[in-house]
Amino acid sequence: MEPVTLFETREILVPFDIGDCRLIPGCAGDLGEPVEAFMTLYAVAAASTTHIAGPSDLSRITRAVRSKEEALAFVRLFTSPRSHFLFDKQQAILDLVVAGIDARQPGEVSGEVARRLSLPAVRCVEAAGAFEIERCLVRAHDAVTARTVLLRSERVFADGGYALASERVLGSLTPDEVAMPLYE
């Protein structure tokens, strides 16, 4: 296994219980430019460093999710503009957010675009020991093709478990209709 360089000043704080672990971005092997293309996430505890590749890995270190806010923070870790690049390197998947007039921040669309696609608001309800979440995401494969708008249903369990319930395509957007991150 290659040595891991951890960027401890970039620690990601989460509201749900991960015990004595800290979530630290890092890089295995050589670092290049843009830095985001080489970074991944690690759970760091006293005696171990564990790569967090996705929700199932995060579930293994999560002890408890106690509220809707914590459940949303769990799923948004993988789709937030601040951290999505730590996971899927083949495509960007971001939370879709309805902005005021113009879409300026990553993942934002205008109110006009949201109405055209009939985008539902984020929904999170507690039911039977789990938080059921439904949210819109945008997927971009590259800088020039259309972006796919998805409606994803997920469950985050009180013990930190995770399940993708369903995902379906709601439509597509042109690159000028949704702001996506730029890494230089």
N, C-alpha and C. Protein backbone atom coordinates (compact mmCIF):
# COMPACT_ATOMS: atom_id res chain seq x y z
N MET A 1 0.83 -1.19 0.00
CA MET A 1 0.00 0.00 0.00
C MET A 1 0.87 1.25 0.00
N GLU A 2 0.52 2.21 -0.85
CA GLU A 2 1.28 3.44 -0.95
C GLU A 2 1.10 4.28 0.32
N PRO A 3 2.13 5.05 0.67
CA PRO A 3 1.97 5.94 1.82
C PRO A 3 0.91 7.00 1.52
N VAL A 4 0.21 7.44 2.55
CA VAL A 4 -0.86 8.42 2.41
C VAL A 4 -0.41 9.74 3.01
N THR A 5 -0.58 10.81 2.23
CA THR A 5 -0.35 12.16 2.73
C THR A 5 -1.70 12.72 3.14
N LEU A 6 -1.83 13.11 4.40
CA LEU A 6 -3.09 13.66 4.91
C LEU A 6 -3.00 15.18 5.00
N PHE A 7 -4.10 15.84 4.65
CA PHE A 7 -4.19 17.30 4.71
C PHE A 7 -5.04 17.66 5.92
N GLU A 8 -4.42 17.59 7.10
CA GLU A 8 -5.16 17.74 8.35
C GLU A 8 -5.81 19.10 8.51
N THR A 9 -5.30 20.12 7.87
CA THR A 9 -5.93 21.44 7.96
C THR A 9 -7.24 21.50 7.17
N ARG A 10 -7.51 20.49 6.37
CA ARG A 10 -8.76 20.42 5.59
C ARG A 10 -9.75 19.42 6.18
N GLU A 11 -9.61 19.12 7.45
CA GLU A 11 -10.51 18.16 8.10
C GLU A 11 -11.97 18.53 7.82
N ILE A 12 -12.78 17.51 7.55
CA ILE A 12 -14.21 17.71 7.31
C ILE A 12 -14.95 17.35 8.58
N LEU A 13 -15.64 18.33 9.13
CA LEU A 13 -16.41 18.12 10.35
C LEU A 13 -17.83 17.72 9.97
N VAL A 14 -18.35 16.71 10.64
CA VAL A 14 -19.70 16.22 10.38
C VAL A 14 -20.50 16.23 11.68
N PRO A 15 -21.82 16.44 11.60
CA PRO A 15 -22.62 16.50 12.82
C PRO A 15 -23.01 15.13 13.38
N PHE A 16 -22.92 14.07 12.57
CA PHE A 16 -23.29 12.73 13.05
C PHE A 16 -22.10 12.09 13.77
N ASP A 17 -22.39 11.07 14.56
CA ASP A 17 -21.40 10.46 15.45
C ASP A 17 -20.51 9.47 14.70
N ILE A 18 -19.22 9.81 14.60
CA ILE A 18 -18.24 8.90 14.00
C ILE A 18 -17.19 8.48 15.03
N GLY A 19 -17.58 8.54 16.29
CA GLY A 19 -16.68 8.10 17.35
C GLY A 19 -15.41 8.92 17.38
N ASP A 20 -14.28 8.24 17.54
CA ASP A 20 -13.00 8.94 17.63
C ASP A 20 -12.33 9.17 16.28
N CYS A 21 -13.05 8.90 15.20
CA CYS A 21 -12.50 9.12 13.85
C CYS A 21 -12.56 10.60 13.47
N ARG A 22 -11.63 10.97 12.61
CA ARG A 22 -11.64 12.29 11.98
C ARG A 22 -11.65 12.06 10.48
N LEU A 23 -12.40 12.86 9.74
CA LEU A 23 -12.45 12.74 8.28
C LEU A 23 -11.46 13.74 7.68
N ILE A 24 -10.42 13.19 7.05
CA ILE A 24 -9.32 14.01 6.54
C ILE A 24 -9.08 13.71 5.06
N PRO A 25 -9.13 14.73 4.19
CA PRO A 25 -8.73 14.52 2.80
C PRO A 25 -7.24 14.15 2.74
N GLY A 26 -6.92 13.34 1.76
CA GLY A 26 -5.53 12.94 1.60
C GLY A 26 -5.25 12.45 0.21
N CYS A 27 -4.03 11.99 0.02
CA CYS A 27 -3.58 11.52 -1.29
C CYS A 27 -2.66 10.33 -1.10
N ALA A 28 -2.94 9.26 -1.81
CA ALA A 28 -2.04 8.11 -1.81
C ALA A 28 -1.15 8.25 -3.05
N GLY A 29 0.14 8.22 -2.86
CA GLY A 29 1.05 8.37 -3.99
C GLY A 29 1.34 9.83 -4.27
N ASP A 30 1.68 10.11 -5.53
CA ASP A 30 2.09 11.46 -5.92
C ASP A 30 0.90 12.39 -6.05
N LEU A 31 1.12 13.64 -5.72
CA LEU A 31 0.10 14.68 -5.83
C LEU A 31 0.37 15.47 -7.10
N GLY A 32 -0.70 15.83 -7.81
CA GLY A 32 -0.55 16.59 -9.05
C GLY A 32 -1.50 17.76 -9.07
N GLU A 33 -1.70 18.32 -10.25
CA GLU A 33 -2.59 19.47 -10.44
C GLU A 33 -3.70 19.08 -11.40
N PRO A 34 -4.94 19.48 -11.15
CA PRO A 34 -5.41 20.14 -9.95
C PRO A 34 -5.40 19.16 -8.76
N VAL A 35 -5.15 19.67 -7.60
CA VAL A 35 -5.02 18.85 -6.39
C VAL A 35 -6.27 17.99 -6.18
N GLU A 36 -7.46 18.55 -6.46
CA GLU A 36 -8.72 17.84 -6.22
C GLU A 36 -8.79 16.51 -6.98
N ALA A 37 -8.13 16.43 -8.12
CA ALA A 37 -8.16 15.19 -8.91
C ALA A 37 -7.41 14.05 -8.25
N PHE A 38 -6.56 14.36 -7.28
CA PHE A 38 -5.73 13.35 -6.64
C PHE A 38 -6.16 13.05 -5.21
N MET A 39 -7.06 13.86 -4.67
CA MET A 39 -7.46 13.72 -3.27
C MET A 39 -8.59 12.72 -3.09
N THR A 40 -8.56 12.02 -1.98
CA THR A 40 -9.65 11.14 -1.56
C THR A 40 -9.86 11.38 -0.06
N LEU A 41 -10.85 10.71 0.52
CA LEU A 41 -11.16 10.93 1.93
C LEU A 41 -10.72 9.74 2.77
N TYR A 42 -10.22 10.05 3.95
CA TYR A 42 -9.78 9.02 4.89
C TYR A 42 -10.40 9.25 6.25
N ALA A 43 -10.75 8.16 6.92
CA ALA A 43 -11.16 8.20 8.32
C ALA A 43 -9.90 7.88 9.12
N VAL A 44 -9.52 8.80 9.98
CA VAL A 44 -8.29 8.65 10.74
C VAL A 44 -8.64 8.50 12.22
N ALA A 45 -8.21 7.39 12.79
CA ALA A 45 -8.37 7.13 14.22
C ALA A 45 -6.97 6.94 14.80
N ALA A 46 -6.89 6.72 16.08
CA ALA A 46 -5.60 6.61 16.77
C ALA A 46 -4.65 5.61 16.11
N ALA A 47 -5.15 4.45 15.74
CA ALA A 47 -4.27 3.40 15.24
C ALA A 47 -4.50 3.03 13.78
N SER A 48 -5.38 3.75 13.08
CA SER A 48 -5.67 3.33 11.70
C SER A 48 -6.06 4.50 10.81
N THR A 49 -5.86 4.28 9.52
CA THR A 49 -6.30 5.21 8.48
C THR A 49 -7.07 4.37 7.47
N THR A 50 -8.34 4.71 7.26
CA THR A 50 -9.22 3.93 6.39
C THR A 50 -9.72 4.80 5.25
N HIS A 51 -9.59 4.32 4.03
CA HIS A 51 -10.09 5.03 2.86
C HIS A 51 -11.61 5.00 2.85
N ILE A 52 -12.24 6.16 2.64
CA ILE A 52 -13.69 6.27 2.55
C ILE A 52 -14.03 6.52 1.07
N ALA A 53 -14.44 5.46 0.38
CA ALA A 53 -14.73 5.57 -1.05
C ALA A 53 -16.18 5.92 -1.34
N GLY A 54 -17.06 5.68 -0.38
CA GLY A 54 -18.48 5.94 -0.61
C GLY A 54 -19.29 5.73 0.66
N PRO A 55 -20.61 5.80 0.54
CA PRO A 55 -21.49 5.70 1.70
C PRO A 55 -21.32 4.42 2.52
N SER A 56 -21.05 3.29 1.88
CA SER A 56 -20.91 2.05 2.66
C SER A 56 -19.68 2.11 3.57
N ASP A 57 -18.60 2.73 3.11
CA ASP A 57 -17.42 2.90 3.95
C ASP A 57 -17.71 3.85 5.12
N LEU A 58 -18.43 4.92 4.84
CA LEU A 58 -18.78 5.87 5.90
C LEU A 58 -19.70 5.20 6.92
N SER A 59 -20.59 4.34 6.46
CA SER A 59 -21.48 3.61 7.37
C SER A 59 -20.71 2.78 8.38
N ARG A 60 -19.60 2.21 7.95
CA ARG A 60 -18.80 1.35 8.84
C ARG A 60 -18.21 2.11 10.03
N ILE A 61 -17.99 3.41 9.88
CA ILE A 61 -17.42 4.16 11.00
C ILE A 61 -18.46 5.01 11.73
N THR A 62 -19.67 5.10 11.18
CA THR A 62 -20.72 5.93 11.79
C THR A 62 -21.41 5.15 12.90
N ARG A 63 -21.48 5.76 14.06
CA ARG A 63 -22.11 5.12 15.21
C ARG A 63 -23.59 5.46 15.33
N ALA A 64 -23.95 6.72 14.99
CA ALA A 64 -25.34 7.13 15.14
C ALA A 64 -25.66 8.33 14.26
N VAL A 65 -26.87 8.32 13.73
CA VAL A 65 -27.45 9.46 13.01
C VAL A 65 -28.75 9.75 13.74
N ARG A 66 -28.85 10.92 14.36
CA ARG A 66 -29.94 11.18 15.30
C ARG A 66 -31.01 12.16 14.81
N SER A 67 -30.79 12.80 13.68
CA SER A 67 -31.76 13.81 13.24
C SER A 67 -31.79 13.89 11.72
N LYS A 68 -32.79 14.58 11.21
CA LYS A 68 -32.89 14.81 9.77
C LYS A 68 -31.67 15.58 9.26
N GLU A 69 -31.24 16.55 10.04
CA GLU A 69 -30.09 17.36 9.64
C GLU A 69 -28.84 16.50 9.52
N GLU A 70 -28.66 15.58 10.47
CA GLU A 70 -27.51 14.68 10.41
C GLU A 70 -27.61 13.74 9.23
N ALA A 71 -28.81 13.24 8.94
CA ALA A 71 -28.99 12.34 7.79
C ALA A 71 -28.68 13.07 6.48
N LEU A 72 -29.15 14.31 6.36
CA LEU A 72 -28.84 15.08 5.15
C LEU A 72 -27.34 15.36 5.05
N ALA A 73 -26.69 15.64 6.16
CA ALA A 73 -25.24 15.86 6.14
C ALA A 73 -24.51 14.60 5.68
N PHE A 74 -25.00 13.43 6.10
CA PHE A 74 -24.39 12.16 5.69
C PHE A 74 -24.41 12.03 4.17
N VAL A 75 -25.57 12.19 3.52
CA VAL A 75 -25.64 12.00 2.07
C VAL A 75 -24.99 13.15 1.30
N ARG A 76 -25.07 14.34 1.84
CA ARG A 76 -24.49 15.50 1.15
C ARG A 76 -22.97 15.51 1.16
N LEU A 77 -22.36 14.75 2.06
CA LEU A 77 -20.90 14.67 2.06
C LEU A 77 -20.40 14.23 0.68
N PHE A 78 -21.16 13.37 0.00
CA PHE A 78 -20.73 12.79 -1.28
C PHE A 78 -21.12 13.66 -2.48
N THR A 79 -21.94 14.70 -2.27
CA THR A 79 -22.43 15.50 -3.39
C THR A 79 -22.28 17.00 -3.18
N SER A 80 -21.65 17.41 -2.11
CA SER A 80 -21.44 18.82 -1.83
C SER A 80 -20.32 19.36 -2.72
N PRO A 81 -20.44 20.61 -3.18
CA PRO A 81 -19.34 21.20 -3.95
C PRO A 81 -18.01 21.21 -3.19
N ARG A 82 -18.08 21.19 -1.86
CA ARG A 82 -16.87 21.22 -1.05
C ARG A 82 -16.18 19.87 -0.92
N SER A 83 -16.89 18.78 -1.25
CA SER A 83 -16.29 17.46 -1.00
C SER A 83 -16.56 16.39 -2.06
N HIS A 84 -17.42 16.64 -3.04
CA HIS A 84 -17.77 15.60 -4.02
C HIS A 84 -16.55 15.04 -4.74
N PHE A 85 -15.56 15.88 -4.98
CA PHE A 85 -14.37 15.46 -5.74
C PHE A 85 -13.52 14.43 -5.00
N LEU A 86 -13.81 14.21 -3.73
CA LEU A 86 -13.06 13.21 -2.96
C LEU A 86 -13.50 11.79 -3.30
N PHE A 87 -14.57 11.64 -4.06
CA PHE A 87 -15.15 10.32 -4.29
C PHE A 87 -15.09 9.91 -5.76
N ASP A 88 -16.09 10.19 -6.55
CA ASP A 88 -16.16 9.72 -7.93
C ASP A 88 -15.32 10.60 -8.84
N LYS A 89 -14.28 10.02 -9.41
CA LYS A 89 -13.38 10.81 -10.27
C LYS A 89 -13.84 10.82 -11.73
N GLN A 90 -14.82 9.98 -12.08
CA GLN A 90 -15.26 9.89 -13.47
C GLN A 90 -16.31 10.93 -13.82
N GLN A 91 -17.07 11.38 -12.82
CA GLN A 91 -18.13 12.34 -13.09
C GLN A 91 -18.41 13.14 -11.82
N ALA A 92 -18.83 14.37 -12.01
CA ALA A 92 -19.22 15.20 -10.87
C ALA A 92 -20.70 14.99 -10.61
N ILE A 93 -21.07 14.71 -9.39
CA ILE A 93 -22.48 14.62 -8.99
C ILE A 93 -22.66 15.59 -7.83
N LEU A 94 -23.52 16.58 -8.03
CA LEU A 94 -23.72 17.63 -7.03
C LEU A 94 -25.17 17.75 -6.64
N ASP A 95 -25.41 18.24 -5.41
CA ASP A 95 -26.76 18.62 -5.01
C ASP A 95 -27.23 19.70 -5.96
N LEU A 96 -28.48 19.62 -6.39
CA LEU A 96 -29.06 20.64 -7.25
C LEU A 96 -29.79 21.63 -6.35
N VAL A 97 -29.44 22.91 -6.45
CA VAL A 97 -29.98 23.95 -5.59
C VAL A 97 -30.63 25.01 -6.47
N VAL A 98 -31.83 25.44 -6.10
CA VAL A 98 -32.49 26.51 -6.85
C VAL A 98 -31.99 27.84 -6.30
N ALA A 99 -31.39 28.63 -7.19
CA ALA A 99 -30.85 29.95 -6.82
C ALA A 99 -31.92 31.01 -7.07
N GLY A 100 -31.59 32.23 -6.75
CA GLY A 100 -32.49 33.34 -7.02
C GLY A 100 -32.69 33.51 -8.52
N ILE A 101 -32.03 34.48 -9.09
CA ILE A 101 -32.19 34.79 -10.50
C ILE A 101 -31.18 34.04 -11.36
N ASP A 102 -29.92 34.12 -10.99
CA ASP A 102 -28.86 33.50 -11.77
C ASP A 102 -28.22 32.34 -11.01
N ALA A 103 -27.79 31.34 -11.75
CA ALA A 103 -27.05 30.22 -11.17
C ALA A 103 -25.57 30.58 -11.20
N ARG A 104 -24.99 30.80 -10.04
CA ARG A 104 -23.59 31.22 -9.98
C ARG A 104 -22.70 30.25 -9.23
N GLN A 105 -23.24 29.56 -8.24
CA GLN A 105 -22.45 28.64 -7.43
C GLN A 105 -22.60 27.22 -7.97
N PRO A 106 -21.64 26.34 -7.73
CA PRO A 106 -21.75 24.96 -8.22
C PRO A 106 -23.04 24.28 -7.75
N GLY A 107 -23.73 23.67 -8.71
CA GLY A 107 -24.97 22.97 -8.43
C GLY A 107 -26.21 23.83 -8.49
N GLU A 108 -26.05 25.12 -8.69
CA GLU A 108 -27.21 26.01 -8.70
C GLU A 108 -27.85 26.09 -10.09
N VAL A 109 -29.19 26.16 -10.07
CA VAL A 109 -29.97 26.43 -11.28
C VAL A 109 -30.91 27.59 -10.97
N SER A 110 -31.35 28.27 -12.00
CA SER A 110 -32.28 29.38 -11.80
C SER A 110 -33.67 28.85 -11.47
N GLY A 111 -34.49 29.72 -10.90
CA GLY A 111 -35.88 29.35 -10.61
C GLY A 111 -36.62 28.96 -11.88
N GLU A 112 -36.31 29.61 -12.98
CA GLU A 112 -36.96 29.31 -14.27
C GLU A 112 -36.65 27.87 -14.70
N VAL A 113 -35.40 27.48 -14.58
CA VAL A 113 -35.01 26.10 -14.94
C VAL A 113 -35.68 25.10 -14.00
N ALA A 114 -35.73 25.42 -12.72
CA ALA A 114 -36.37 24.53 -11.74
C ALA A 114 -37.85 24.33 -12.06
N ARG A 115 -38.53 25.41 -12.44
CA ARG A 115 -39.96 25.30 -12.81
C ARG A 115 -40.14 24.47 -14.07
N ARG A 116 -39.27 24.69 -15.06
CA ARG A 116 -39.38 23.95 -16.33
C ARG A 116 -39.26 22.45 -16.11
N LEU A 117 -38.37 22.04 -15.19
CA LEU A 117 -38.18 20.61 -14.92
C LEU A 117 -39.06 20.09 -13.78
N SER A 118 -39.86 20.99 -13.18
CA SER A 118 -40.71 20.63 -12.04
C SER A 118 -39.89 19.94 -10.95
N LEU A 119 -38.80 20.57 -10.56
CA LEU A 119 -37.91 19.98 -9.55
C LEU A 119 -38.56 20.01 -8.17
N PRO A 120 -38.68 18.87 -7.53
CA PRO A 120 -39.24 18.86 -6.17
C PRO A 120 -38.20 19.36 -5.16
N ALA A 121 -38.69 19.86 -4.04
CA ALA A 121 -37.80 20.29 -2.96
C ALA A 121 -37.21 19.06 -2.27
N VAL A 122 -36.10 19.25 -1.59
CA VAL A 122 -35.50 18.17 -0.80
C VAL A 122 -36.51 17.73 0.25
N ARG A 123 -36.65 16.43 0.41
CA ARG A 123 -37.57 15.87 1.40
C ARG A 123 -36.79 14.90 2.28
N CYS A 124 -36.98 15.03 3.59
CA CYS A 124 -36.36 14.12 4.54
C CYS A 124 -37.37 13.85 5.65
N VAL A 125 -37.78 12.59 5.79
CA VAL A 125 -38.73 12.22 6.82
C VAL A 125 -38.17 11.04 7.62
N GLU A 126 -38.50 11.03 8.89
CA GLU A 126 -38.07 9.94 9.76
C GLU A 126 -39.17 8.89 9.77
N ALA A 127 -38.78 7.64 9.50
CA ALA A 127 -39.76 6.55 9.46
C ALA A 127 -39.08 5.23 9.79
N ALA A 128 -39.60 4.53 10.77
CA ALA A 128 -39.16 3.17 11.11
C ALA A 128 -37.64 3.05 11.28
N GLY A 129 -37.05 3.91 12.11
CA GLY A 129 -35.62 3.81 12.40
C GLY A 129 -34.70 4.27 11.30
N ALA A 130 -35.25 4.98 10.33
CA ALA A 130 -34.44 5.47 9.22
C ALA A 130 -34.91 6.86 8.81
N PHE A 131 -34.06 7.55 8.09
CA PHE A 131 -34.42 8.84 7.51
C PHE A 131 -34.52 8.61 6.01
N GLU A 132 -35.71 8.85 5.46
CA GLU A 132 -35.94 8.69 4.02
C GLU A 132 -35.75 10.04 3.37
N ILE A 133 -34.82 10.07 2.42
CA ILE A 133 -34.42 11.33 1.79
C ILE A 133 -34.70 11.24 0.30
N GLU A 134 -35.25 12.31 -0.23
CA GLU A 134 -35.45 12.43 -1.68
C GLU A 134 -34.89 13.79 -2.07
N ARG A 135 -33.98 13.79 -3.04
CA ARG A 135 -33.33 15.03 -3.44
C ARG A 135 -32.93 14.99 -4.90
N CYS A 136 -32.78 16.18 -5.47
CA CYS A 136 -32.35 16.30 -6.87
C CYS A 136 -30.84 16.51 -6.91
N LEU A 137 -30.23 15.86 -7.89
CA LEU A 137 -28.79 15.96 -8.11
C LEU A 137 -28.54 16.27 -9.58
N VAL A 138 -27.37 16.79 -9.87
CA VAL A 138 -26.96 17.00 -11.26
C VAL A 138 -25.66 16.24 -11.49
N ARG A 139 -25.60 15.53 -12.61
CA ARG A 139 -24.42 14.75 -12.96
C ARG A 139 -23.80 15.34 -14.22
N ALA A 140 -22.50 15.57 -14.16
CA ALA A 140 -21.77 16.07 -15.33
C ALA A 140 -20.64 15.10 -15.64
N HIS A 141 -20.59 14.65 -16.87
CA HIS A 141 -19.52 13.73 -17.28
C HIS A 141 -18.29 14.49 -17.75
N ASP A 142 -18.51 15.66 -18.33
CA ASP A 142 -17.39 16.49 -18.78
C ASP A 142 -17.89 17.93 -18.94
N ALA A 143 -17.04 18.80 -19.42
CA ALA A 143 -17.38 20.22 -19.48
C ALA A 143 -18.26 20.63 -20.64
N VAL A 144 -18.45 19.78 -21.63
CA VAL A 144 -19.16 20.23 -22.83
C VAL A 144 -20.50 19.56 -23.09
N THR A 145 -20.78 18.42 -22.49
CA THR A 145 -22.04 17.73 -22.76
C THR A 145 -23.13 18.16 -21.78
N ALA A 146 -24.35 17.79 -22.11
CA ALA A 146 -25.47 18.10 -21.23
C ALA A 146 -25.29 17.45 -19.86
N ARG A 147 -25.87 18.08 -18.88
CA ARG A 147 -25.85 17.55 -17.52
C ARG A 147 -27.15 16.80 -17.26
N THR A 148 -27.09 15.69 -16.59
CA THR A 148 -28.27 14.88 -16.28
C THR A 148 -28.80 15.27 -14.91
N VAL A 149 -30.11 15.51 -14.83
CA VAL A 149 -30.76 15.82 -13.56
C VAL A 149 -31.40 14.53 -13.04
N LEU A 150 -31.06 14.19 -11.79
CA LEU A 150 -31.53 12.94 -11.18
C LEU A 150 -32.40 13.23 -9.97
N LEU A 151 -33.37 12.36 -9.73
CA LEU A 151 -34.11 12.35 -8.48
C LEU A 151 -33.67 11.08 -7.76
N ARG A 152 -33.02 11.26 -6.60
CA ARG A 152 -32.47 10.13 -5.86
C ARG A 152 -33.22 9.97 -4.55
N SER A 153 -33.61 8.74 -4.25
CA SER A 153 -34.22 8.39 -2.97
C SER A 153 -33.23 7.52 -2.21
N GLU A 154 -32.96 7.91 -0.96
CA GLU A 154 -31.96 7.23 -0.14
C GLU A 154 -32.51 7.03 1.27
N ARG A 155 -31.92 6.10 1.98
CA ARG A 155 -32.24 5.89 3.39
C ARG A 155 -30.95 5.92 4.19
N VAL A 156 -30.98 6.68 5.26
CA VAL A 156 -29.89 6.69 6.23
C VAL A 156 -30.49 6.18 7.53
N PHE A 157 -29.93 5.12 8.06
CA PHE A 157 -30.47 4.48 9.25
C PHE A 157 -29.86 5.10 10.50
N ALA A 158 -30.57 4.99 11.61
CA ALA A 158 -30.13 5.57 12.88
C ALA A 158 -28.76 5.04 13.30
N ASP A 159 -28.42 3.82 12.90
CA ASP A 159 -27.11 3.24 13.26
C ASP A 159 -26.02 3.59 12.25
N GLY A 160 -26.34 4.46 11.27
CA GLY A 160 -25.35 4.88 10.29
C GLY A 160 -25.39 4.10 8.99
N GLY A 161 -26.25 3.10 8.90
CA GLY A 161 -26.38 2.35 7.65
C GLY A 161 -26.91 3.24 6.53
N TYR A 162 -26.67 2.81 5.29
CA TYR A 162 -27.09 3.59 4.13
C TYR A 162 -27.64 2.66 3.06
N ALA A 163 -28.69 3.10 2.37
CA ALA A 163 -29.22 2.36 1.23
C ALA A 163 -29.70 3.33 0.16
N LEU A 164 -29.29 3.09 -1.08
CA LEU A 164 -29.83 3.83 -2.21
C LEU A 164 -31.12 3.12 -2.60
N ALA A 165 -32.25 3.80 -2.43
CA ALA A 165 -33.55 3.18 -2.71
C ALA A 165 -33.87 3.22 -4.20
N SER A 166 -33.66 4.38 -4.82
CA SER A 166 -33.93 4.50 -6.26
C SER A 166 -33.28 5.76 -6.80
N GLU A 167 -33.17 5.78 -8.11
CA GLU A 167 -32.63 6.94 -8.80
C GLU A 167 -33.24 6.95 -10.19
N ARG A 168 -33.76 8.11 -10.59
CA ARG A 168 -34.32 8.21 -11.94
C ARG A 168 -33.98 9.56 -12.55
N VAL A 169 -33.93 9.58 -13.87
CA VAL A 169 -33.59 10.79 -14.60
C VAL A 169 -34.84 11.67 -14.73
N LEU A 170 -34.68 12.94 -14.36
CA LEU A 170 -35.78 13.91 -14.50
C LEU A 170 -35.66 14.73 -15.78
N GLY A 171 -34.45 14.84 -16.31
CA GLY A 171 -34.24 15.65 -17.50
C GLY A 171 -32.77 15.96 -17.66
N SER A 172 -32.50 16.94 -18.51
CA SER A 172 -31.11 17.35 -18.71
C SER A 172 -31.03 18.86 -18.80
N LEU A 173 -29.82 19.35 -18.56
CA LEU A 173 -29.53 20.77 -18.61
C LEU A 173 -28.34 20.99 -19.51
N THR A 174 -28.29 22.14 -20.14
CA THR A 174 -27.11 22.50 -20.91
C THR A 174 -26.05 23.02 -19.94
N PRO A 175 -24.80 23.01 -20.33
CA PRO A 175 -23.75 23.50 -19.44
C PRO A 175 -23.97 24.95 -18.96
N ASP A 176 -24.65 25.78 -19.74
CA ASP A 176 -24.87 27.16 -19.29
C ASP A 176 -26.06 27.30 -18.34
N GLU A 177 -26.84 26.23 -18.13
CA GLU A 177 -27.99 26.30 -17.23
C GLU A 177 -27.67 25.93 -15.78
N VAL A 178 -26.52 25.31 -15.55
CA VAL A 178 -26.15 24.92 -14.20
C VAL A 178 -24.66 25.17 -14.00
N ALA A 179 -24.34 25.79 -12.89
CA ALA A 179 -22.94 26.05 -12.57
C ALA A 179 -22.32 24.77 -12.03
N MET A 180 -21.15 24.44 -12.53
CA MET A 180 -20.42 23.27 -12.05
C MET A 180 -19.04 23.73 -11.57
N PRO A 181 -18.41 22.94 -10.70
CA PRO A 181 -17.10 23.35 -10.18
C PRO A 181 -16.03 23.39 -11.27
N LEU A 182 -15.10 24.30 -11.11
CA LEU A 182 -13.94 24.40 -11.98
C LEU A 182 -12.71 24.17 -11.14
N TYR A 183 -11.85 23.27 -11.57
CA TYR A 183 -10.61 23.00 -10.87
C TYR A 183 -9.46 23.33 -11.80
N GLU A 184 -8.58 24.18 -11.32
CA GLU A 184 -7.46 24.61 -12.17
C GLU A 184 -6.15 24.10 -11.65
